[in-house]
Amino acid sequence: MSDSKTATQTRGIRLTIIGVLLFILVIVAGFVNRIGQPRVMSASEMQANGAFLLQTPRDIGDFALIDHRGQPFVPASLEGQWSLLFFGFTYCPDICPTTMAFLDQFVQQLEGTEAEDTQVIMVSVDPARDTVAQLASYVPFFNPEFIGVTGEFLDIHRFATALNTPFRKVPGQDENYLVDHSANVVLINPRGDYHAFFKAPLDLAQMKVTYRSIRVLWDR
């Protein structure tokens, strides 16, 4: 066998080996990439973990409220980021402070873009007592980035109704009355539409993984 033929065969074997190695590298890289991607939960898995997605995100209509800084809270306030809305009131003895502390823990665990474009909003179901000043002394206590919202009773009621979050004043009480309300957390997508809700009781690990799945589905 001539030296030139041997050299050609050797070069062919070398190219074949290189080709096989490159193929294996591509397969391994793809596998590693899939492992690195967050697993997207199915709708039934999300429900089992307390997250309920609307089949079609719902336009919640127009509204004109005010936040704890005295600034207008309007539909544009919910656009361009994900919003977690909790309906509560500052005189609430247990559910509200517990939920607000939970939401602070939740956002503290978010990273990257999830942390950058997630806002938390407490909408008062007791606007008679929850003035701008009252919210300003209450909401930032849990997190200085949180937003408190109040307004006229009928405006608040319409807003809550659009988000399937009923509330009512407990009858037969004096000025230290309580308000019955949902402990669910509503999720608004970056278009400002009602997208999902997290059902109480809330669990930190479950909410984190379902929230991530919801966002991944949205990006697709």
Protein backbone atom coordinates (compact mmCIF):
# COMPACT_ATOMS: atom_id res chain seq x y z
CA MET A 1 0.00 0.00 0.00
CA SER A 2 1.41 3.38 -0.98
CA ASP A 3 2.21 6.06 1.56
CA SER A 4 -0.28 8.43 -0.12
CA LYS A 5 -3.12 5.89 0.13
CA THR A 6 -2.29 5.21 3.78
CA ALA A 7 -2.26 8.93 4.52
CA THR A 8 -5.64 9.34 2.80
CA GLN A 9 -7.17 6.52 4.86
CA THR A 10 -5.70 7.92 8.07
CA ARG A 11 -7.11 11.37 7.27
CA GLY A 12 -10.50 9.81 6.51
CA ILE A 13 -10.54 7.94 9.82
CA ARG A 14 -9.52 11.12 11.65
CA LEU A 15 -12.31 13.13 9.98
CA THR A 16 -14.83 10.42 10.82
CA ILE A 17 -13.78 10.43 14.47
CA ILE A 18 -13.97 14.23 14.57
CA GLY A 19 -17.43 14.12 13.00
CA VAL A 20 -18.66 11.56 15.53
CA LEU A 21 -17.24 13.58 18.42
CA LEU A 22 -18.91 16.76 17.15
CA PHE A 23 -22.22 14.92 16.83
CA ILE A 24 -21.93 13.61 20.39
CA LEU A 25 -21.02 17.11 21.60
CA VAL A 26 -24.14 18.59 19.96
CA ILE A 27 -26.35 15.89 21.53
CA VAL A 28 -24.83 16.40 24.98
CA ALA A 29 -25.10 20.19 24.71
CA GLY A 30 -28.76 19.92 23.76
CA PHE A 31 -29.41 17.58 26.67
CA VAL A 32 -27.67 19.87 29.14
CA ASN A 33 -29.61 22.84 27.78
CA ARG A 34 -32.93 21.03 28.26
CA ILE A 35 -31.95 20.12 31.81
CA GLY A 36 -31.12 23.76 32.48
CA GLN A 37 -34.54 24.92 31.30
CA PRO A 38 -37.26 25.19 33.95
CA ARG A 39 -39.78 22.38 33.69
CA VAL A 40 -43.15 23.70 32.58
CA MET A 41 -45.99 22.29 34.63
CA SER A 42 -49.25 21.20 33.05
CA ALA A 43 -52.51 22.99 33.91
CA SER A 44 -53.56 20.10 36.16
CA GLU A 45 -50.19 20.13 37.94
CA MET A 46 -50.50 23.87 38.49
CA GLN A 47 -53.98 23.46 39.93
CA ALA A 48 -52.72 20.75 42.25
CA ASN A 49 -50.17 23.30 43.44
CA GLY A 50 -52.73 26.06 43.90
CA ALA A 51 -52.34 28.06 40.66
CA PHE A 52 -55.36 28.46 38.37
CA LEU A 53 -54.87 29.89 34.89
CA LEU A 54 -57.70 31.45 32.93
CA GLN A 55 -58.11 29.75 29.56
CA THR A 56 -58.16 33.21 28.01
CA PRO A 57 -56.67 36.16 29.95
CA ARG A 58 -59.44 38.65 30.73
CA ASP A 59 -59.50 42.37 30.06
CA ILE A 60 -60.43 43.92 33.41
CA GLY A 61 -61.65 47.17 31.89
CA ASP A 62 -61.02 50.74 32.91
CA PHE A 63 -60.47 51.89 36.48
CA ALA A 64 -59.19 54.98 38.26
CA LEU A 65 -57.80 54.43 41.75
CA ILE A 66 -54.93 55.98 43.73
CA ASP A 67 -51.80 54.49 45.24
CA HIS A 68 -50.18 55.08 48.64
CA ARG A 69 -47.89 57.72 47.14
CA GLY A 70 -50.86 59.75 45.96
CA GLN A 71 -50.31 58.79 42.32
CA PRO A 72 -53.06 57.59 39.95
CA PHE A 73 -53.45 53.85 39.72
CA VAL A 74 -54.90 53.15 36.28
CA PRO A 75 -54.70 50.34 33.67
CA ALA A 76 -51.28 51.56 32.51
CA SER A 77 -50.00 50.89 36.05
CA LEU A 78 -50.36 47.16 35.35
CA GLU A 79 -48.72 47.08 31.94
CA GLY A 80 -45.18 46.02 31.13
CA GLN A 81 -44.68 43.77 34.14
CA TRP A 82 -46.25 40.96 36.11
CA SER A 83 -48.43 42.08 39.01
CA LEU A 84 -49.43 40.13 42.12
CA LEU A 85 -52.59 41.66 43.61
CA PHE A 86 -53.86 40.98 47.10
CA PHE A 87 -57.13 42.44 48.35
CA GLY A 88 -56.95 43.28 52.04
CA PHE A 89 -57.12 46.11 54.56
CA THR A 90 -54.81 47.66 57.11
CA TYR A 91 -57.04 46.91 60.13
CA CYS A 92 -57.08 43.21 59.27
CA PRO A 93 -55.83 41.28 62.32
CA ASP A 94 -54.35 38.16 60.75
CA ILE A 95 -54.80 37.17 57.08
CA CYS A 96 -53.54 40.44 55.62
CA PRO A 97 -50.29 40.87 57.56
CA THR A 98 -49.57 37.16 57.12
CA THR A 99 -50.13 37.35 53.34
CA MET A 100 -48.12 40.55 52.96
CA ALA A 101 -45.20 39.01 54.85
CA PHE A 102 -45.51 35.91 52.67
CA LEU A 103 -45.41 38.01 49.48
CA ASP A 104 -42.28 39.74 50.75
CA GLN A 105 -40.65 36.34 51.25
CA PHE A 106 -41.79 35.32 47.78
CA VAL A 107 -40.32 38.29 45.91
CA GLN A 108 -37.10 38.04 47.91
CA GLN A 109 -36.58 34.59 46.38
CA LEU A 110 -37.05 35.76 42.80
CA GLU A 111 -33.96 36.36 40.66
CA GLY A 112 -33.04 38.03 37.38
CA THR A 113 -35.89 39.24 35.21
CA GLU A 114 -38.43 37.58 37.50
CA ALA A 115 -37.35 39.91 40.29
CA GLU A 116 -37.06 42.93 38.01
CA ASP A 117 -40.53 42.83 36.48
CA THR A 118 -42.71 41.57 39.33
CA GLN A 119 -44.68 44.07 41.41
CA VAL A 120 -46.86 43.44 44.46
CA ILE A 121 -50.00 45.48 45.06
CA MET A 122 -52.37 45.49 48.01
CA VAL A 123 -55.79 46.82 47.07
CA SER A 124 -57.81 47.99 50.06
CA VAL A 125 -61.28 46.54 50.59
CA ASP A 126 -61.82 49.14 53.33
CA PRO A 127 -61.36 52.49 51.57
CA ALA A 128 -63.31 54.32 54.27
CA ARG A 129 -60.45 53.82 56.73
CA ASP A 130 -57.59 53.03 54.35
CA THR A 131 -56.67 56.50 53.21
CA VAL A 132 -53.54 57.26 51.22
CA ALA A 133 -51.76 58.21 54.44
CA GLN A 134 -52.90 55.03 56.21
CA LEU A 135 -51.65 52.84 53.35
CA ALA A 136 -48.38 54.79 53.22
CA SER A 137 -47.69 53.86 56.85
CA TYR A 138 -48.73 50.24 56.40
CA VAL A 139 -47.71 48.79 53.03
CA PRO A 140 -44.00 49.83 52.92
CA PHE A 141 -43.52 48.21 56.32
CA PHE A 142 -43.61 44.83 54.58
CA ASN A 143 -41.55 45.90 51.58
CA PRO A 144 -40.68 49.43 50.43
CA GLU A 145 -41.36 48.40 46.82
CA PHE A 146 -44.90 47.20 47.51
CA ILE A 147 -47.78 49.39 46.36
CA GLY A 148 -50.95 50.14 48.30
CA VAL A 149 -54.11 51.13 46.43
CA THR A 150 -57.34 52.74 47.58
CA GLY A 151 -60.15 54.79 46.06
CA GLU A 152 -63.89 55.29 46.12
CA PHE A 153 -65.82 52.29 47.42
CA LEU A 154 -67.77 51.67 44.20
CA ASP A 155 -64.59 51.92 42.12
CA ILE A 156 -62.84 49.41 44.39
CA HIS A 157 -65.88 47.13 44.28
CA ARG A 158 -66.00 47.18 40.46
CA PHE A 159 -62.27 46.47 40.28
CA ALA A 160 -62.54 43.55 42.71
CA THR A 161 -65.57 42.16 40.88
CA ALA A 162 -63.66 42.19 37.58
CA LEU A 163 -61.05 40.02 39.28
CA ASN A 164 -63.53 37.62 40.92
CA THR A 165 -62.52 38.81 44.37
CA PRO A 166 -65.67 39.57 46.41
CA PHE A 167 -65.62 41.28 49.80
CA ARG A 168 -68.14 42.57 52.31
CA LYS A 169 -68.22 44.40 55.58
CA VAL A 170 -69.10 42.10 58.47
CA PRO A 171 -72.50 43.30 59.74
CA GLY A 172 -73.41 44.17 63.32
CA GLN A 173 -70.11 45.73 64.38
CA ASP A 174 -69.00 49.16 65.56
CA GLU A 175 -66.30 51.36 64.04
CA ASN A 176 -63.78 48.57 64.64
CA TYR A 177 -65.51 46.42 62.05
CA LEU A 178 -63.90 43.67 59.99
CA VAL A 179 -64.20 42.96 56.27
CA ASP A 180 -64.65 39.48 54.83
CA HIS A 181 -62.45 39.03 51.77
CA SER A 182 -60.57 36.44 49.76
CA ALA A 183 -56.99 35.51 50.66
CA ASN A 184 -56.19 34.52 47.07
CA VAL A 185 -53.50 36.37 45.13
CA VAL A 186 -54.45 37.54 41.64
CA LEU A 187 -51.89 37.50 38.82
CA ILE A 188 -52.02 40.18 36.11
CA ASN A 189 -49.92 39.66 32.98
CA PRO A 190 -47.76 42.36 31.30
CA ARG A 191 -50.65 43.33 29.01
CA GLY A 192 -52.65 44.26 32.09
CA ASP A 193 -55.07 41.32 31.77
CA TYR A 194 -56.33 39.02 34.50
CA HIS A 195 -54.18 35.94 33.88
CA ALA A 196 -54.43 33.59 36.88
CA PHE A 197 -54.81 33.39 40.63
CA PHE A 198 -53.01 31.59 43.44
CA LYS A 199 -55.45 29.97 45.82
CA ALA A 200 -55.02 30.26 49.57
CA PRO A 201 -53.46 28.83 51.64
CA LEU A 202 -50.30 29.90 49.85
CA ASP A 203 -47.17 27.78 49.82
CA LEU A 204 -43.82 29.39 49.03
CA ALA A 205 -42.23 26.53 47.09
CA GLN A 206 -45.40 25.71 45.15
CA MET A 207 -46.09 29.32 44.23
CA LYS A 208 -42.53 29.85 43.07
CA VAL A 209 -42.55 26.88 40.68
CA THR A 210 -46.04 27.60 39.32
CA TYR A 211 -45.23 31.28 38.81
CA ARG A 212 -42.13 30.32 36.85
CA SER A 213 -44.12 27.89 34.70
CA ILE A 214 -46.72 30.53 33.96
CA ARG A 215 -44.05 32.97 32.83
CA VAL A 216 -42.30 30.38 30.65
CA LEU A 217 -45.60 29.54 28.93
CA TRP A 218 -46.23 33.24 28.35
CA ASP A 219 -42.80 33.73 26.75
CA ARG A 220 -43.48 30.85 24.35
